[in-house]
Amino acid sequence: MDYKHRIMMEVESLPEFLLPKVLSYVQTLQPKAVASKPKLTIPEPKSFTAEDTIIIYTDGACTGNPGAGGYGAVIIDGDRREEISGGYKHTTNNRMEMMAAIAALKSLELNSQVKLHSDSKYIVDAVVKGWAKKWQANGWRRNPKEMAKNPDLWQELLDLCQVHNVEFKWVKGHAGIPENEQCDRLAVEAAHQNNLPIDQGYAT
């Protein structure tokens, strides 16, 4: 049956005064327009130049291993130069090397381009060669029988590497590099401060 033809015939047979009501009723049957979803605006990836790169030098020191320890960092951002340091009453040299990098990266604005120099192969190799991420993926195990040390600081450092674009560079310690030497002085001075806080990550 041609329903369209039948409907037209039925409409034509209606009294004229009913036609406006029929039209209004038909309009209520029309599907409502679906509002189009706003398009997502994806920001352009941030591009960096050599001038945008923040240069960081870091170092850690310990009066014993474990023992009182300190860290130091020199941050060079264009014409701005900043030095930071801190220490703990009972910690290790490796933890202070890591804390220096963490403290420096924490001090930056989000999404910074960074070249971080460290004389710690423990840090540089673990990040550059992907060891730290493998330990993380394996529940902080170096192998089935051995746990990775300092998982609290490794987690924090890897998280910061997601926030910033960080290139790790190894430099030889005590080789006359001014910024590296200054970091060492800052770390040693911090390790000899009085009333140092407890390194909770190492204490637990």
N, C-alpha and C. Protein backbone atom coordinates (compact mmCIF):
# COMPACT_ATOMS: atom_id res chain seq x y z
N MET A 1 0.86 -1.19 0.00
CA MET A 1 0.00 0.00 0.00
C MET A 1 0.89 1.24 0.00
N ASP A 2 0.49 2.22 -0.78
CA ASP A 2 1.23 3.47 -0.83
C ASP A 2 0.73 4.37 0.30
N TYR A 3 1.43 4.29 1.44
CA TYR A 3 0.97 5.03 2.61
C TYR A 3 1.07 6.54 2.39
N LYS A 4 2.07 6.95 1.66
CA LYS A 4 2.22 8.37 1.41
C LYS A 4 1.01 8.91 0.65
N HIS A 5 0.58 8.17 -0.38
CA HIS A 5 -0.59 8.59 -1.16
C HIS A 5 -1.83 8.60 -0.29
N ARG A 6 -1.97 7.59 0.57
CA ARG A 6 -3.16 7.50 1.43
C ARG A 6 -3.20 8.66 2.41
N ILE A 7 -2.02 9.00 2.98
CA ILE A 7 -1.99 10.11 3.93
C ILE A 7 -2.37 11.41 3.25
N MET A 8 -1.90 11.60 2.04
CA MET A 8 -2.25 12.83 1.32
C MET A 8 -3.75 12.91 1.07
N MET A 9 -4.34 11.77 0.75
CA MET A 9 -5.78 11.76 0.52
C MET A 9 -6.54 12.08 1.79
N GLU A 10 -6.08 11.51 2.91
CA GLU A 10 -6.75 11.76 4.18
C GLU A 10 -6.65 13.23 4.55
N VAL A 11 -5.49 13.83 4.31
CA VAL A 11 -5.31 15.24 4.65
C VAL A 11 -6.21 16.11 3.80
N GLU A 12 -6.34 15.78 2.51
CA GLU A 12 -7.17 16.58 1.61
C GLU A 12 -8.64 16.51 1.98
N SER A 13 -9.04 15.42 2.63
CA SER A 13 -10.44 15.27 3.00
C SER A 13 -10.78 15.98 4.30
N LEU A 14 -9.77 16.47 5.02
CA LEU A 14 -10.02 17.15 6.29
C LEU A 14 -10.59 18.54 6.05
N PRO A 15 -11.40 19.02 7.01
CA PRO A 15 -11.88 20.42 6.91
C PRO A 15 -10.71 21.37 6.96
N GLU A 16 -10.84 22.46 6.29
CA GLU A 16 -9.72 23.40 6.17
C GLU A 16 -9.28 23.96 7.50
N PHE A 17 -10.22 24.13 8.45
CA PHE A 17 -9.86 24.75 9.73
C PHE A 17 -8.98 23.82 10.58
N LEU A 18 -8.94 22.50 10.21
CA LEU A 18 -8.11 21.58 10.97
C LEU A 18 -6.67 21.50 10.44
N LEU A 19 -6.47 22.01 9.24
CA LEU A 19 -5.15 21.86 8.64
C LEU A 19 -4.02 22.49 9.46
N PRO A 20 -4.21 23.70 10.04
CA PRO A 20 -3.12 24.26 10.86
C PRO A 20 -2.75 23.36 12.03
N LYS A 21 -3.79 22.72 12.65
CA LYS A 21 -3.51 21.84 13.80
C LYS A 21 -2.75 20.60 13.34
N VAL A 22 -3.13 20.10 12.16
CA VAL A 22 -2.44 18.92 11.64
C VAL A 22 -0.97 19.25 11.36
N LEU A 23 -0.78 20.43 10.76
CA LEU A 23 0.58 20.86 10.46
C LEU A 23 1.42 20.98 11.73
N SER A 24 0.84 21.57 12.78
CA SER A 24 1.56 21.70 14.05
C SER A 24 1.90 20.34 14.62
N TYR A 25 0.97 19.41 14.51
CA TYR A 25 1.21 18.06 15.03
C TYR A 25 2.33 17.36 14.26
N VAL A 26 2.32 17.54 12.93
CA VAL A 26 3.35 16.91 12.11
C VAL A 26 4.72 17.47 12.46
N GLN A 27 4.77 18.75 12.72
CA GLN A 27 6.04 19.38 13.07
C GLN A 27 6.61 18.83 14.39
N THR A 28 5.72 18.47 15.30
CA THR A 28 6.20 17.89 16.56
C THR A 28 6.78 16.50 16.35
N LEU A 29 6.43 15.86 15.25
CA LEU A 29 6.94 14.52 14.98
C LEU A 29 8.31 14.53 14.31
N GLN A 30 8.73 15.69 13.82
CA GLN A 30 10.00 15.78 13.14
C GLN A 30 11.13 15.59 14.16
N PRO A 31 12.15 14.85 13.80
CA PRO A 31 13.25 14.63 14.74
C PRO A 31 13.96 15.94 15.06
N LYS A 32 14.30 16.05 16.34
CA LYS A 32 14.99 17.27 16.77
C LYS A 32 16.43 17.26 16.25
N ALA A 33 16.86 18.44 15.89
CA ALA A 33 18.23 18.55 15.38
C ALA A 33 19.21 18.23 16.49
N VAL A 34 20.19 17.43 16.18
CA VAL A 34 21.21 17.07 17.15
C VAL A 34 22.31 18.12 17.12
N ALA A 35 22.55 18.68 18.29
CA ALA A 35 23.59 19.71 18.35
C ALA A 35 24.95 19.10 18.05
N SER A 36 25.67 19.73 17.19
CA SER A 36 26.99 19.21 16.84
C SER A 36 27.96 19.43 17.99
N LYS A 37 28.78 18.42 18.25
CA LYS A 37 29.76 18.53 19.32
C LYS A 37 30.87 19.49 18.92
N PRO A 38 31.28 20.31 19.87
CA PRO A 38 32.40 21.23 19.53
C PRO A 38 33.66 20.44 19.24
N LYS A 39 34.39 20.89 18.27
CA LYS A 39 35.63 20.21 17.92
C LYS A 39 36.68 20.45 18.98
N LEU A 40 37.42 19.39 19.31
CA LEU A 40 38.49 19.52 20.28
C LEU A 40 39.64 20.31 19.67
N THR A 41 40.11 21.26 20.43
CA THR A 41 41.25 22.04 19.97
C THR A 41 42.52 21.44 20.56
N ILE A 42 43.31 20.83 19.71
CA ILE A 42 44.54 20.22 20.17
C ILE A 42 45.67 21.23 20.03
N PRO A 43 46.29 21.56 21.15
CA PRO A 43 47.36 22.57 21.06
C PRO A 43 48.53 22.07 20.24
N GLU A 44 49.13 22.98 19.55
CA GLU A 44 50.31 22.64 18.77
C GLU A 44 51.44 22.21 19.71
N PRO A 45 52.20 21.19 19.35
CA PRO A 45 53.32 20.80 20.22
C PRO A 45 54.30 21.95 20.37
N LYS A 46 54.78 22.10 21.58
CA LYS A 46 55.69 23.21 21.87
C LYS A 46 57.04 22.95 21.21
N SER A 47 57.52 23.90 20.47
CA SER A 47 58.83 23.76 19.83
C SER A 47 59.86 24.56 20.61
N PHE A 48 61.06 24.04 20.67
CA PHE A 48 62.11 24.68 21.43
C PHE A 48 63.28 25.04 20.52
N THR A 49 64.01 26.05 20.92
CA THR A 49 65.26 26.40 20.25
C THR A 49 66.39 26.19 21.26
N ALA A 50 67.61 26.28 20.77
CA ALA A 50 68.75 26.12 21.66
C ALA A 50 68.71 27.16 22.78
N GLU A 51 68.21 28.36 22.47
CA GLU A 51 68.15 29.42 23.48
C GLU A 51 67.14 29.10 24.57
N ASP A 52 66.15 28.24 24.25
CA ASP A 52 65.13 27.88 25.24
C ASP A 52 65.62 26.84 26.24
N THR A 53 66.70 26.15 25.91
CA THR A 53 67.15 25.04 26.74
C THR A 53 67.73 25.53 28.07
N ILE A 54 67.24 24.96 29.14
CA ILE A 54 67.74 25.27 30.48
C ILE A 54 68.88 24.31 30.79
N ILE A 55 70.00 24.85 31.21
CA ILE A 55 71.18 24.05 31.52
C ILE A 55 71.24 23.81 33.03
N ILE A 56 71.36 22.55 33.41
CA ILE A 56 71.43 22.20 34.83
C ILE A 56 72.66 21.35 35.09
N TYR A 57 73.35 21.67 36.17
CA TYR A 57 74.43 20.82 36.69
C TYR A 57 74.02 20.37 38.09
N THR A 58 74.28 19.11 38.41
CA THR A 58 73.89 18.58 39.72
C THR A 58 75.03 17.74 40.30
N ASP A 59 75.01 17.64 41.62
CA ASP A 59 75.97 16.78 42.30
C ASP A 59 75.45 16.44 43.69
N GLY A 60 75.93 15.32 44.21
CA GLY A 60 75.58 14.90 45.56
C GLY A 60 76.84 14.55 46.32
N ALA A 61 76.74 14.59 47.65
CA ALA A 61 77.90 14.28 48.49
C ALA A 61 77.41 13.62 49.77
N CYS A 62 78.27 12.81 50.36
CA CYS A 62 77.93 12.12 51.60
C CYS A 62 79.19 12.06 52.47
N THR A 63 79.03 12.34 53.78
CA THR A 63 80.16 12.29 54.69
C THR A 63 80.52 10.84 55.03
N GLY A 64 79.60 9.95 54.77
CA GLY A 64 79.80 8.52 54.89
C GLY A 64 78.82 7.89 53.93
N ASN A 65 78.86 6.62 53.75
CA ASN A 65 77.91 6.04 52.80
C ASN A 65 77.34 4.74 53.38
N PRO A 66 76.30 4.82 54.21
CA PRO A 66 75.47 6.00 54.48
C PRO A 66 76.10 6.95 55.50
N GLY A 67 75.50 8.15 55.53
CA GLY A 67 75.94 9.17 56.46
C GLY A 67 75.20 10.45 56.16
N ALA A 68 75.63 11.54 56.76
CA ALA A 68 75.03 12.83 56.45
C ALA A 68 75.35 13.19 55.01
N GLY A 69 74.34 13.63 54.30
CA GLY A 69 74.55 13.90 52.87
C GLY A 69 73.95 15.22 52.44
N GLY A 70 74.40 15.67 51.28
CA GLY A 70 73.88 16.91 50.73
C GLY A 70 73.86 16.87 49.21
N TYR A 71 73.10 17.77 48.63
CA TYR A 71 73.02 17.87 47.18
C TYR A 71 73.10 19.34 46.77
N GLY A 72 73.53 19.56 45.54
CA GLY A 72 73.60 20.91 45.01
C GLY A 72 73.28 20.93 43.54
N ALA A 73 72.75 22.03 43.07
CA ALA A 73 72.41 22.16 41.65
C ALA A 73 72.60 23.61 41.21
N VAL A 74 73.08 23.77 40.01
CA VAL A 74 73.21 25.08 39.37
C VAL A 74 72.29 25.08 38.16
N ILE A 75 71.39 26.05 38.10
CA ILE A 75 70.39 26.13 37.03
C ILE A 75 70.64 27.41 36.24
N ILE A 76 70.88 27.26 34.94
CA ILE A 76 71.14 28.40 34.07
C ILE A 76 70.04 28.49 33.02
N ASP A 77 69.25 29.54 33.11
CA ASP A 77 68.12 29.75 32.20
C ASP A 77 68.30 31.12 31.55
N GLY A 78 68.97 31.12 30.39
CA GLY A 78 69.26 32.40 29.75
C GLY A 78 70.20 33.22 30.63
N ASP A 79 69.77 34.42 30.99
CA ASP A 79 70.57 35.29 31.84
C ASP A 79 70.38 34.98 33.32
N ARG A 80 69.42 34.11 33.63
CA ARG A 80 69.14 33.79 35.04
C ARG A 80 69.99 32.62 35.50
N ARG A 81 70.58 32.76 36.65
CA ARG A 81 71.37 31.68 37.26
C ARG A 81 70.88 31.49 38.69
N GLU A 82 70.60 30.24 39.03
CA GLU A 82 70.10 29.93 40.37
C GLU A 82 70.87 28.74 40.94
N GLU A 83 71.14 28.79 42.22
CA GLU A 83 71.80 27.68 42.91
C GLU A 83 70.89 27.18 44.03
N ILE A 84 70.73 25.87 44.11
CA ILE A 84 69.90 25.30 45.17
C ILE A 84 70.68 24.17 45.84
N SER A 85 70.36 23.92 47.10
CA SER A 85 71.04 22.86 47.83
C SER A 85 70.18 22.41 48.99
N GLY A 86 70.53 21.28 49.56
CA GLY A 86 69.82 20.74 50.71
C GLY A 86 70.54 19.51 51.20
N GLY A 87 70.11 18.98 52.36
CA GLY A 87 70.80 17.82 52.89
C GLY A 87 69.95 17.03 53.85
N TYR A 88 70.46 15.85 54.22
CA TYR A 88 69.76 14.95 55.14
C TYR A 88 70.78 14.34 56.09
N LYS A 89 70.31 14.00 57.29
CA LYS A 89 71.24 13.55 58.32
C LYS A 89 71.71 12.11 58.13
N HIS A 90 70.95 11.28 57.42
CA HIS A 90 71.35 9.89 57.23
C HIS A 90 70.83 9.42 55.87
N THR A 91 71.75 9.29 54.92
CA THR A 91 71.34 8.96 53.56
C THR A 91 72.53 8.33 52.83
N THR A 92 72.46 8.27 51.49
CA THR A 92 73.55 7.71 50.71
C THR A 92 73.96 8.68 49.61
N ASN A 93 75.13 8.45 49.05
CA ASN A 93 75.62 9.32 47.98
C ASN A 93 74.71 9.26 46.75
N ASN A 94 74.29 8.03 46.38
CA ASN A 94 73.43 7.90 45.21
C ASN A 94 72.10 8.63 45.40
N ARG A 95 71.57 8.57 46.60
CA ARG A 95 70.30 9.27 46.84
C ARG A 95 70.49 10.78 46.73
N MET A 96 71.64 11.28 47.16
CA MET A 96 71.88 12.71 47.05
C MET A 96 72.10 13.14 45.60
N GLU A 97 72.74 12.26 44.81
CA GLU A 97 72.88 12.55 43.37
C GLU A 97 71.50 12.65 42.72
N MET A 98 70.61 11.74 43.09
CA MET A 98 69.27 11.74 42.52
C MET A 98 68.47 12.93 43.03
N MET A 99 68.60 13.23 44.33
CA MET A 99 67.84 14.34 44.89
C MET A 99 68.25 15.67 44.27
N ALA A 100 69.50 15.80 43.89
CA ALA A 100 69.95 17.03 43.23
C ALA A 100 69.19 17.23 41.92
N ALA A 101 69.08 16.16 41.13
CA ALA A 101 68.36 16.25 39.85
C ALA A 101 66.88 16.52 40.08
N ILE A 102 66.29 15.84 41.05
CA ILE A 102 64.87 16.00 41.34
C ILE A 102 64.56 17.43 41.79
N ALA A 103 65.36 17.93 42.73
CA ALA A 103 65.12 19.29 43.24
C ALA A 103 65.26 20.32 42.12
N ALA A 104 66.23 20.15 41.24
CA ALA A 104 66.42 21.10 40.14
C ALA A 104 65.23 21.07 39.19
N LEU A 105 64.78 19.88 38.82
CA LEU A 105 63.65 19.76 37.88
C LEU A 105 62.36 20.26 38.51
N LYS A 106 62.20 20.06 39.79
CA LYS A 106 61.00 20.54 40.48
C LYS A 106 60.91 22.06 40.48
N SER A 107 62.04 22.73 40.40
CA SER A 107 62.06 24.19 40.48
C SER A 107 61.65 24.86 39.17
N LEU A 108 61.49 24.08 38.10
CA LEU A 108 61.23 24.65 36.78
C LEU A 108 59.73 24.76 36.49
N GLU A 109 59.42 25.62 35.52
CA GLU A 109 58.05 25.70 35.02
C GLU A 109 57.75 24.43 34.22
N LEU A 110 56.46 24.12 34.08
CA LEU A 110 56.07 22.91 33.37
C LEU A 110 56.55 22.92 31.93
N ASN A 111 56.86 21.73 31.42
CA ASN A 111 57.21 21.54 30.02
C ASN A 111 58.44 22.35 29.61
N SER A 112 59.48 22.23 30.40
CA SER A 112 60.72 22.92 30.07
C SER A 112 61.65 22.00 29.28
N GLN A 113 62.44 22.60 28.43
CA GLN A 113 63.48 21.88 27.70
C GLN A 113 64.75 21.96 28.53
N VAL A 114 65.31 20.80 28.89
CA VAL A 114 66.40 20.77 29.87
C VAL A 114 67.55 19.90 29.38
N LYS A 115 68.77 20.37 29.63
CA LYS A 115 69.96 19.54 29.46
C LYS A 115 70.59 19.44 30.85
N LEU A 116 70.51 18.23 31.43
CA LEU A 116 70.94 18.04 32.81
C LEU A 116 72.28 17.29 32.83
N HIS A 117 73.26 17.90 33.46
CA HIS A 117 74.61 17.32 33.54
C HIS A 117 74.83 16.75 34.93
N SER A 118 75.29 15.51 34.98
CA SER A 118 75.57 14.85 36.24
C SER A 118 76.85 14.04 36.11
N ASP A 119 77.62 13.97 37.21
CA ASP A 119 78.82 13.13 37.17
C ASP A 119 78.52 11.73 37.72
N SER A 120 77.24 11.43 37.86
CA SER A 120 76.81 10.12 38.36
C SER A 120 76.40 9.21 37.20
N LYS A 121 77.22 8.21 36.92
CA LYS A 121 76.84 7.24 35.89
C LYS A 121 75.63 6.43 36.33
N TYR A 122 75.47 6.28 37.63
CA TYR A 122 74.31 5.58 38.18
C TYR A 122 73.01 6.20 37.66
N ILE A 123 72.94 7.52 37.66
CA ILE A 123 71.74 8.21 37.18
C ILE A 123 71.69 8.24 35.66
N VAL A 124 72.75 8.71 35.04
CA VAL A 124 72.73 8.92 33.59
C VAL A 124 72.51 7.61 32.83
N ASP A 125 73.23 6.57 33.20
CA ASP A 125 73.07 5.30 32.50
C ASP A 125 71.69 4.70 32.73
N ALA A 126 71.19 4.79 33.96
CA ALA A 126 69.89 4.20 34.26
C ALA A 126 68.77 4.85 33.47
N VAL A 127 68.89 6.16 33.21
CA VAL A 127 67.85 6.86 32.44
C VAL A 127 68.09 6.69 30.94
N VAL A 128 69.29 7.00 30.48
CA VAL A 128 69.58 6.99 29.05
C VAL A 128 69.47 5.59 28.46
N LYS A 129 69.93 4.58 29.20
CA LYS A 129 69.89 3.21 28.69
C LYS A 129 68.59 2.48 29.01
N GLY A 130 67.67 3.20 29.67
CA GLY A 130 66.34 2.63 29.90
C GLY A 130 66.25 1.66 31.07
N TRP A 131 67.28 1.56 31.88
CA TRP A 131 67.25 0.61 32.99
C TRP A 131 66.16 0.97 33.99
N ALA A 132 66.04 2.25 34.32
CA ALA A 132 65.09 2.67 35.35
C ALA A 132 63.66 2.33 34.94
N LYS A 133 63.33 2.53 33.68
CA LYS A 133 61.97 2.20 33.21
C LYS A 133 61.72 0.70 33.26
N LYS A 134 62.75 -0.10 33.00
CA LYS A 134 62.61 -1.55 33.09
C LYS A 134 62.39 -1.97 34.54
N TRP A 135 63.13 -1.36 35.46
CA TRP A 135 62.92 -1.67 36.88
C TRP A 135 61.49 -1.32 37.28
N GLN A 136 61.03 -0.17 36.81
CA GLN A 136 59.68 0.27 37.13
C GLN A 136 58.64 -0.72 36.60
N ALA A 137 58.82 -1.14 35.34
CA ALA A 137 57.87 -2.07 34.73
C ALA A 137 57.88 -3.43 35.43
N ASN A 138 59.01 -3.78 36.04
CA ASN A 138 59.15 -5.07 36.72
C ASN A 138 58.89 -4.98 38.22
N GLY A 139 58.15 -3.95 38.63
CA GLY A 139 57.86 -3.79 40.06
C GLY A 139 59.07 -3.42 40.87
N TRP A 140 59.97 -2.66 40.27
CA TRP A 140 61.21 -2.19 40.88
C TRP A 140 62.14 -3.34 41.24
N ARG A 141 62.20 -4.31 40.35
CA ARG A 141 63.16 -5.41 40.47
C ARG A 141 64.22 -5.28 39.37
N ARG A 142 65.47 -5.39 39.78
CA ARG A 142 66.56 -5.41 38.80
C ARG A 142 66.59 -6.76 38.09
N ASN A 143 66.26 -7.79 38.83
CA ASN A 143 66.18 -9.16 38.31
C ASN A 143 65.28 -9.94 39.26
N PRO A 144 64.96 -11.19 38.95
CA PRO A 144 64.03 -11.94 39.81
C PRO A 144 64.45 -12.02 41.28
N LYS A 145 65.74 -11.88 41.58
CA LYS A 145 66.20 -12.04 42.95
C LYS A 145 66.60 -10.74 43.63
N GLU A 146 66.69 -9.66 42.88
CA GLU A 146 67.24 -8.41 43.42
C GLU A 146 66.31 -7.23 43.18
N MET A 147 65.99 -6.51 44.25
CA MET A 147 65.17 -5.31 44.13
C MET A 147 66.05 -4.12 43.73
N ALA A 148 65.48 -3.21 42.96
CA ALA A 148 66.20 -1.97 42.63
C ALA A 148 66.23 -1.07 43.86
N LYS A 149 67.34 -0.39 44.07
CA LYS A 149 67.45 0.52 45.19
C LYS A 149 66.84 1.88 44.84
N ASN A 150 66.39 2.57 45.86
CA ASN A 150 65.85 3.93 45.73
C ASN A 150 64.65 4.05 44.81
N PRO A 151 63.68 3.12 44.89
CA PRO A 151 62.52 3.20 43.98
C PRO A 151 61.70 4.47 44.18
N ASP A 152 61.69 5.02 45.41
CA ASP A 152 60.92 6.25 45.65
C ASP A 152 61.46 7.41 44.83
N LEU A 153 62.80 7.52 44.78
CA LEU A 153 63.39 8.62 44.02
C LEU A 153 63.37 8.35 42.52
N TRP A 154 63.52 7.09 42.13
CA TRP A 154 63.43 6.77 40.70
C TRP A 154 62.03 7.10 40.18
N GLN A 155 61.01 6.77 40.95
CA GLN A 155 59.65 7.08 40.51
C GLN A 155 59.47 8.58 40.33
N GLU A 156 59.97 9.34 41.29
CA GLU A 156 59.83 10.80 41.22
C GLU A 156 60.60 11.36 40.03
N LEU A 157 61.80 10.83 39.80
CA LEU A 157 62.60 11.34 38.68
C LEU A 157 61.97 11.00 37.34
N LEU A 158 61.46 9.78 37.20
CA LEU A 158 60.80 9.40 35.94
C LEU A 158 59.54 10.22 35.71
N ASP A 159 58.81 10.52 36.77
CA ASP A 159 57.62 11.37 36.64
C ASP A 159 58.01 12.76 36.14
N LEU A 160 59.08 13.30 36.67
CA LEU A 160 59.53 14.63 36.25
C LEU A 160 60.00 14.63 34.80
N CYS A 161 60.52 13.49 34.36
CA CYS A 161 60.94 13.38 32.95
C CYS A 161 59.74 13.31 32.02
N GLN A 162 58.56 13.04 32.56
CA GLN A 162 57.33 13.12 31.76
C GLN A 162 56.82 14.56 31.71
N VAL A 163 57.14 15.33 32.73
CA VAL A 163 56.71 16.73 32.79
C VAL A 163 57.61 17.61 31.93
N HIS A 164 58.89 17.30 31.93
CA HIS A 164 59.87 18.09 31.18
C HIS A 164 60.52 17.24 30.08
N ASN A 165 61.08 17.91 29.11
CA ASN A 165 61.86 17.24 28.06
C ASN A 165 63.32 17.30 28.49
N VAL A 166 63.81 16.20 29.08
CA VAL A 166 65.12 16.21 29.73
C VAL A 166 66.13 15.36 28.97
N GLU A 167 67.27 15.95 28.69
CA GLU A 167 68.41 15.23 28.12
C GLU A 167 69.46 15.10 29.20
N PHE A 168 69.84 13.86 29.53
CA PHE A 168 70.85 13.62 30.57
C PHE A 168 72.22 13.50 29.92
N LYS A 169 73.20 14.21 30.49
CA LYS A 169 74.57 14.16 29.98
C LYS A 169 75.52 13.86 31.14
N TRP A 170 76.40 12.88 30.92
CA TRP A 170 77.39 12.59 31.96
C TRP A 170 78.60 13.50 31.78
N VAL A 171 79.10 14.02 32.90
CA VAL A 171 80.34 14.80 32.90
C VAL A 171 81.27 14.21 33.95
N LYS A 172 82.54 14.31 33.71
CA LYS A 172 83.52 13.79 34.66
C LYS A 172 83.61 14.72 35.86
N GLY A 173 83.52 14.14 37.06
CA GLY A 173 83.60 14.94 38.27
C GLY A 173 85.02 15.41 38.55
N HIS A 174 85.11 16.56 39.21
CA HIS A 174 86.40 17.13 39.63
C HIS A 174 87.36 17.26 38.43
N ALA A 175 86.79 17.67 37.30
CA ALA A 175 87.60 17.82 36.09
C ALA A 175 87.73 19.28 35.70
N GLY A 176 87.44 20.17 36.62
CA GLY A 176 87.61 21.60 36.35
C GLY A 176 86.43 22.27 35.69
N ILE A 177 85.29 21.59 35.59
CA ILE A 177 84.09 22.22 35.03
C ILE A 177 83.50 23.12 36.12
N PRO A 178 83.47 24.44 35.91
CA PRO A 178 83.09 25.36 36.99
C PRO A 178 81.76 25.03 37.66
N GLU A 179 80.73 24.77 36.85
CA GLU A 179 79.40 24.51 37.43
C GLU A 179 79.39 23.20 38.22
N ASN A 180 80.08 22.19 37.71
CA ASN A 180 80.15 20.92 38.43
C ASN A 180 80.89 21.08 39.75
N GLU A 181 81.97 21.85 39.75
CA GLU A 181 82.73 22.10 40.97
C GLU A 181 81.88 22.87 41.98
N GLN A 182 81.09 23.82 41.49
CA GLN A 182 80.22 24.59 42.39
C GLN A 182 79.15 23.69 43.00
N CYS A 183 78.60 22.79 42.21
CA CYS A 183 77.60 21.86 42.73
C CYS A 183 78.20 21.01 43.84
N ASP A 184 79.44 20.58 43.65
CA ASP A 184 80.12 19.79 44.67
C ASP A 184 80.29 20.59 45.95
N ARG A 185 80.67 21.84 45.83
CA ARG A 185 80.82 22.68 47.02
C ARG A 185 79.48 22.85 47.74
N LEU A 186 78.42 23.08 46.97
CA LEU A 186 77.09 23.25 47.56
C LEU A 186 76.67 21.98 48.31
N ALA A 187 76.92 20.83 47.69
CA ALA A 187 76.51 19.56 48.28
C ALA A 187 77.28 19.29 49.57
N VAL A 188 78.59 19.52 49.55
CA VAL A 188 79.42 19.28 50.74
C VAL A 188 79.01 20.22 51.87
N GLU A 189 78.79 21.49 51.54
CA GLU A 189 78.37 22.45 52.57
C GLU A 189 77.03 22.04 53.17
N ALA A 190 76.10 21.59 52.33
CA ALA A 190 74.78 21.18 52.81
C ALA A 190 74.88 19.97 53.73
N ALA A 191 75.78 19.05 53.41
CA ALA A 191 75.93 17.83 54.21
C ALA A 191 76.47 18.15 55.61
N HIS A 192 77.13 19.28 55.77
CA HIS A 192 77.72 19.63 57.05
C HIS A 192 76.86 20.62 57.85
N GLN A 193 75.65 20.88 57.38
CA GLN A 193 74.75 21.77 58.12
C GLN A 193 74.25 21.06 59.38
N ASN A 194 73.87 21.87 60.37
CA ASN A 194 73.29 21.32 61.59
C ASN A 194 71.79 21.10 61.42
N ASN A 195 71.25 20.22 62.23
CA ASN A 195 69.80 19.95 62.27
C ASN A 195 69.24 19.56 60.90
N LEU A 196 69.94 18.68 60.22
CA LEU A 196 69.46 18.19 58.93
C LEU A 196 68.22 17.32 59.12
N PRO A 197 67.28 17.37 58.17
CA PRO A 197 66.08 16.52 58.28
C PRO A 197 66.41 15.06 57.99
N ILE A 198 65.45 14.21 58.30
CA ILE A 198 65.59 12.78 58.04
C ILE A 198 65.20 12.48 56.61
N ASP A 199 65.97 11.66 55.94
CA ASP A 199 65.62 11.18 54.60
C ASP A 199 64.62 10.04 54.78
N GLN A 200 63.34 10.38 54.73
CA GLN A 200 62.30 9.40 55.02
C GLN A 200 62.35 8.21 54.08
N GLY A 201 62.69 8.45 52.81
CA GLY A 201 62.74 7.37 51.85
C GLY A 201 63.82 6.36 52.19
N TYR A 202 64.93 6.84 52.73
CA TYR A 202 66.01 5.92 53.10
C TYR A 202 65.73 5.30 54.48
N ALA A 203 65.11 6.07 55.37
CA ALA A 203 64.84 5.59 56.71
C ALA A 203 63.87 4.41 56.69
N THR A 204 62.95 4.41 55.69
CA THR A 204 61.97 3.33 55.63
C THR A 204 62.46 2.21 54.74
